[in-house]
C-alpha cells in the first residue's frame, strides 16, 4: 500500500511516468482540455474536490521545477491562489512564469495530462513542470 496521500490510480500513474520538463496541469472545472491530452477527471460536483486540495496532494508525489499561471489569476484572486502563494513561498513550486490565459491554454497542448477539479472559480489553473529529485 502506498504511503503518500494520493489514492487516484490514474493520477499516481501519470505522476510516476513524468520526466524532467514534462507538464501536468491542474485546472478548474471549465478549463478546456486540448484534443490528444489525457484528462484525469476528479470533478464530482461544484467545489469538490477544490483546486487547493488537489494541488497539495499532487505535490506529495511530484517534484516541481517551476509553475505557470495565467496573468488573469492575479486580478480574479480565486481562493486557491492563497495556497499557491504559500507553496511558492515555501519553495514547493519552484520558479514562477506568468502567461496570458490564452497562452496558458496553448501551453496545455504540451501537457502530459490535465487534472480537472470541481473548482468553479475562474482562473484556478496551474501548470506544473516536473523537476528531478537528484
C-alpha atoms as a PDB file:
ATOM      1  CA  UNK A   1       0.000   0.000   0.000  1.00  0.00           C
ATOM      2  CA  UNK A   2       1.228   3.488  -0.828  1.00  0.00           C
ATOM      3  CA  UNK A   3       2.433   5.802   1.944  1.00  0.00           C
ATOM      4  CA  UNK A   4       1.565   9.074   0.244  1.00  0.00           C
ATOM      5  CA  UNK A   5      -1.972  10.515   0.416  1.00  0.00           C
ATOM      6  CA  UNK A   6      -2.642  10.243  -3.339  1.00  0.00           C
ATOM      7  CA  UNK A   7      -5.109   7.404  -3.926  1.00  0.00           C
ATOM      8  CA  UNK A   8      -6.258   8.071  -7.519  1.00  0.00           C
ATOM      9  CA  UNK A   9      -4.627   5.398  -9.660  1.00  0.00           C
ATOM     10  CA  UNK A  10      -4.630   7.338 -12.939  1.00  0.00           C
ATOM     11  CA  UNK A  11      -3.116  10.433 -11.340  1.00  0.00           C
ATOM     12  CA  UNK A  12      -0.487   8.479  -9.413  1.00  0.00           C
ATOM     13  CA  UNK A  13       0.466   6.544 -12.547  1.00  0.00           C
ATOM     14  CA  UNK A  14       0.760   9.776 -14.557  1.00  0.00           C
ATOM     15  CA  UNK A  15       2.984  11.440 -11.968  1.00  0.00           C
ATOM     16  CA  UNK A  16       5.177   8.325 -11.759  1.00  0.00           C
ATOM     17  CA  UNK A  17       5.630   8.488 -15.540  1.00  0.00           C
ATOM     18  CA  UNK A  18       6.679  12.145 -15.710  1.00  0.00           C
ATOM     19  CA  UNK A  19      10.174  13.017 -16.843  1.00  0.00           C
ATOM     20  CA  UNK A  20      12.167  16.197 -16.361  1.00  0.00           C
ATOM     21  CA  UNK A  21      10.351  19.061 -18.066  1.00  0.00           C
ATOM     22  CA  UNK A  22       7.027  17.250 -18.519  1.00  0.00           C
ATOM     23  CA  UNK A  23       3.930  19.315 -17.737  1.00  0.00           C
ATOM     24  CA  UNK A  24       0.972  18.398 -15.552  1.00  0.00           C
ATOM     25  CA  UNK A  25      -1.924  20.879 -15.473  1.00  0.00           C
ATOM     26  CA  UNK A  26      -4.371  21.180 -12.593  1.00  0.00           C
ATOM     27  CA  UNK A  27      -7.428  23.048 -13.770  1.00  0.00           C
ATOM     28  CA  UNK A  28     -10.802  24.309 -12.748  1.00  0.00           C
ATOM     29  CA  UNK A  29     -13.971  22.646 -13.996  1.00  0.00           C
ATOM     30  CA  UNK A  30     -14.157  24.932 -17.034  1.00  0.00           C
ATOM     31  CA  UNK A  31     -10.618  24.646 -18.403  1.00  0.00           C
ATOM     32  CA  UNK A  32     -10.779  23.166 -21.906  1.00  0.00           C
ATOM     33  CA  UNK A  33      -8.674  20.056 -22.439  1.00  0.00           C
ATOM     34  CA  UNK A  34      -6.932  20.030 -25.813  1.00  0.00           C
ATOM     35  CA  UNK A  35      -7.562  17.059 -28.104  1.00  0.00           C
ATOM     36  CA  UNK A  36      -4.987  14.339 -27.553  1.00  0.00           C
ATOM     37  CA  UNK A  37      -4.131  15.390 -23.981  1.00  0.00           C
ATOM     38  CA  UNK A  38      -5.156  12.921 -21.277  1.00  0.00           C
ATOM     39  CA  UNK A  39      -7.905  14.111 -18.965  1.00  0.00           C
ATOM     40  CA  UNK A  40      -7.888  12.904 -15.373  1.00  0.00           C
ATOM     41  CA  UNK A  41     -11.327  13.999 -14.237  1.00  0.00           C
ATOM     42  CA  UNK A  42     -11.653  14.268 -10.459  1.00  0.00           C
ATOM     43  CA  UNK A  43     -14.647  16.642 -10.513  1.00  0.00           C
ATOM     44  CA  UNK A  44     -17.688  15.377  -8.608  1.00  0.00           C
ATOM     45  CA  UNK A  45     -19.792  18.483  -8.053  1.00  0.00           C
ATOM     46  CA  UNK A  46     -19.050  22.230  -7.895  1.00  0.00           C
ATOM     47  CA  UNK A  47     -16.231  22.755  -5.410  1.00  0.00           C
ATOM     48  CA  UNK A  48     -15.418  19.086  -4.865  1.00  0.00           C
ATOM     49  CA  UNK A  49     -12.582  18.500  -4.980  1.00  0.00           C
ATOM     50  CA  UNK A  50     -11.308  22.037  -4.705  1.00  0.00           C
ATOM     51  CA  UNK A  51      -8.217  23.267  -6.546  1.00  0.00           C
ATOM     52  CA  UNK A  52      -6.023  23.787  -3.449  1.00  0.00           C
ATOM     53  CA  UNK A  53      -6.649  20.291  -2.073  1.00  0.00           C
ATOM     54  CA  UNK A  54      -5.767  18.656  -5.381  1.00  0.00           C
ATOM     55  CA  UNK A  55      -2.607  20.766  -5.683  1.00  0.00           C
ATOM     56  CA  UNK A  56      -1.417  19.795  -2.181  1.00  0.00           C
ATOM     57  CA  UNK A  57      -1.961  16.083  -2.833  1.00  0.00           C
ATOM     58  CA  UNK A  58      -0.222  16.220  -6.231  1.00  0.00           C
ATOM     59  CA  UNK A  59       2.777  17.894  -4.593  1.00  0.00           C
ATOM     60  CA  UNK A  60       3.024  14.991  -2.136  1.00  0.00           C
ATOM     61  CA  UNK A  61       4.253  12.885  -5.072  1.00  0.00           C
ATOM     62  CA  UNK A  62       5.518  15.290  -7.734  1.00  0.00           C
ATOM     63  CA  UNK A  63       8.851  17.109  -7.814  1.00  0.00           C
ATOM     64  CA  UNK A  64       8.197  20.532  -9.363  1.00  0.00           C
ATOM     65  CA  UNK A  65      10.887  22.649 -11.014  1.00  0.00           C
ATOM     66  CA  UNK A  66       8.634  25.551 -11.974  1.00  0.00           C
ATOM     67  CA  UNK A  67       5.000  26.502 -12.342  1.00  0.00           C
ATOM     68  CA  UNK A  68       2.976  28.566 -14.784  1.00  0.00           C
ATOM     69  CA  UNK A  69      -0.065  30.705 -14.006  1.00  0.00           C
ATOM     70  CA  UNK A  70      -2.284  32.908 -16.140  1.00  0.00           C
ATOM     71  CA  UNK A  71      -1.816  36.639 -15.523  1.00  0.00           C
ATOM     72  CA  UNK A  72      -5.563  36.915 -15.005  1.00  0.00           C
ATOM     73  CA  UNK A  73      -5.382  34.914 -11.767  1.00  0.00           C
ATOM     74  CA  UNK A  74      -3.854  37.966 -10.058  1.00  0.00           C
ATOM     75  CA  UNK A  75      -6.904  40.081 -10.933  1.00  0.00           C
ATOM     76  CA  UNK A  76      -9.555  37.402 -10.263  1.00  0.00           C
ATOM     77  CA  UNK A  77      -7.967  36.283  -6.955  1.00  0.00           C
ATOM     78  CA  UNK A  78      -9.624  32.862  -6.702  1.00  0.00           C
ATOM     79  CA  UNK A  79      -9.417  31.235  -3.245  1.00  0.00           C
ATOM     80  CA  UNK A  80      -6.789  28.699  -4.360  1.00  0.00           C
ATOM     81  CA  UNK A  81      -4.331  31.500  -5.158  1.00  0.00           C
ATOM     82  CA  UNK A  82      -3.558  31.925  -1.445  1.00  0.00           C
ATOM     83  CA  UNK A  83      -2.396  28.299  -1.305  1.00  0.00           C
ATOM     84  CA  UNK A  84      -0.356  28.728  -4.497  1.00  0.00           C
ATOM     85  CA  UNK A  85       1.354  31.758  -2.963  1.00  0.00           C
ATOM     86  CA  UNK A  86       2.073  29.883   0.279  1.00  0.00           C
ATOM     87  CA  UNK A  87       3.509  26.881  -1.565  1.00  0.00           C
ATOM     88  CA  UNK A  88       5.566  29.169  -3.792  1.00  0.00           C
ATOM     89  CA  UNK A  89       6.965  30.992  -0.743  1.00  0.00           C
ATOM     90  CA  UNK A  90       7.827  27.608   0.810  1.00  0.00           C
ATOM     91  CA  UNK A  91       9.785  26.662  -2.342  1.00  0.00           C
ATOM     92  CA  UNK A  92       7.487  23.785  -3.305  1.00  0.00           C
ATOM     93  CA  UNK A  93       6.595  25.192  -6.735  1.00  0.00           C
ATOM     94  CA  UNK A  94       9.993  26.332  -7.982  1.00  0.00           C
ATOM     95  CA  UNK A  95      10.243  29.341 -10.244  1.00  0.00           C
ATOM     96  CA  UNK A  96       7.137  31.130 -11.468  1.00  0.00           C
ATOM     97  CA  UNK A  97       6.166  32.042 -15.014  1.00  0.00           C
ATOM     98  CA  UNK A  98       3.051  34.018 -15.908  1.00  0.00           C
ATOM     99  CA  UNK A  99       1.310  33.998 -19.302  1.00  0.00           C
ATOM    100  CA  UNK A 100      -1.925  35.375 -20.658  1.00  0.00           C
ATOM    101  CA  UNK A 101      -4.849  32.985 -20.203  1.00  0.00           C
ATOM    102  CA  UNK A 102      -4.908  32.427 -23.979  1.00  0.00           C
ATOM    103  CA  UNK A 103      -1.222  31.453 -23.921  1.00  0.00           C
ATOM    104  CA  UNK A 104      -1.834  29.256 -20.862  1.00  0.00           C
ATOM    105  CA  UNK A 105      -4.478  27.326 -22.811  1.00  0.00           C
ATOM    106  CA  UNK A 106      -1.988  26.942 -25.674  1.00  0.00           C
ATOM    107  CA  UNK A 107       0.606  25.600 -23.196  1.00  0.00           C
ATOM    108  CA  UNK A 108      -1.931  22.964 -22.128  1.00  0.00           C
ATOM    109  CA  UNK A 109      -1.472  21.319 -25.542  1.00  0.00           C
ATOM    110  CA  UNK A 110       2.010  20.251 -24.358  1.00  0.00           C
ATOM    111  CA  UNK A 111       0.773  18.729 -21.096  1.00  0.00           C
ATOM    112  CA  UNK A 112       1.037  15.025 -20.397  1.00  0.00           C
ATOM    113  CA  UNK A 113      -2.321  15.339 -18.640  1.00  0.00           C
ATOM    114  CA  UNK A 114      -4.882  17.833 -17.381  1.00  0.00           C
ATOM    115  CA  UNK A 115      -6.368  17.145 -13.959  1.00  0.00           C
ATOM    116  CA  UNK A 116      -9.895  18.531 -13.781  1.00  0.00           C
ATOM    117  CA  UNK A 117     -11.075  19.575 -10.336  1.00  0.00           C
ATOM    118  CA  UNK A 118     -14.526  20.616  -9.181  1.00  0.00           C
ATOM    119  CA  UNK A 119     -13.275  24.184  -8.680  1.00  0.00           C
ATOM    120  CA  UNK A 120     -15.682  26.705 -10.194  1.00  0.00           C
ATOM    121  CA  UNK A 121     -13.718  29.911  -9.611  1.00  0.00           C
ATOM    122  CA  UNK A 122     -12.277  31.321 -12.866  1.00  0.00           C
ATOM    123  CA  UNK A 123      -8.527  31.063 -13.479  1.00  0.00           C
ATOM    124  CA  UNK A 124      -7.996  28.360 -10.838  1.00  0.00           C
ATOM    125  CA  UNK A 125      -5.386  26.689 -13.036  1.00  0.00           C
ATOM    126  CA  UNK A 126      -1.704  25.871 -12.721  1.00  0.00           C
ATOM    127  CA  UNK A 127       0.810  24.115 -14.957  1.00  0.00           C
ATOM    128  CA  UNK A 128       3.440  22.196 -13.015  1.00  0.00           C
ATOM    129  CA  UNK A 129       6.716  21.461 -14.770  1.00  0.00           C
ATOM    130  CA  UNK A 130       8.402  18.337 -13.456  1.00  0.00           C
ATOM    131  CA  UNK A 131      11.822  18.562 -11.909  1.00  0.00           C
ATOM    132  CA  UNK A 132      14.188  15.864 -10.731  1.00  0.00           C
ATOM    133  CA  UNK A 133      14.971  14.705  -7.210  1.00  0.00           C
ATOM    134  CA  UNK A 134      18.715  14.409  -7.802  1.00  0.00           C
END
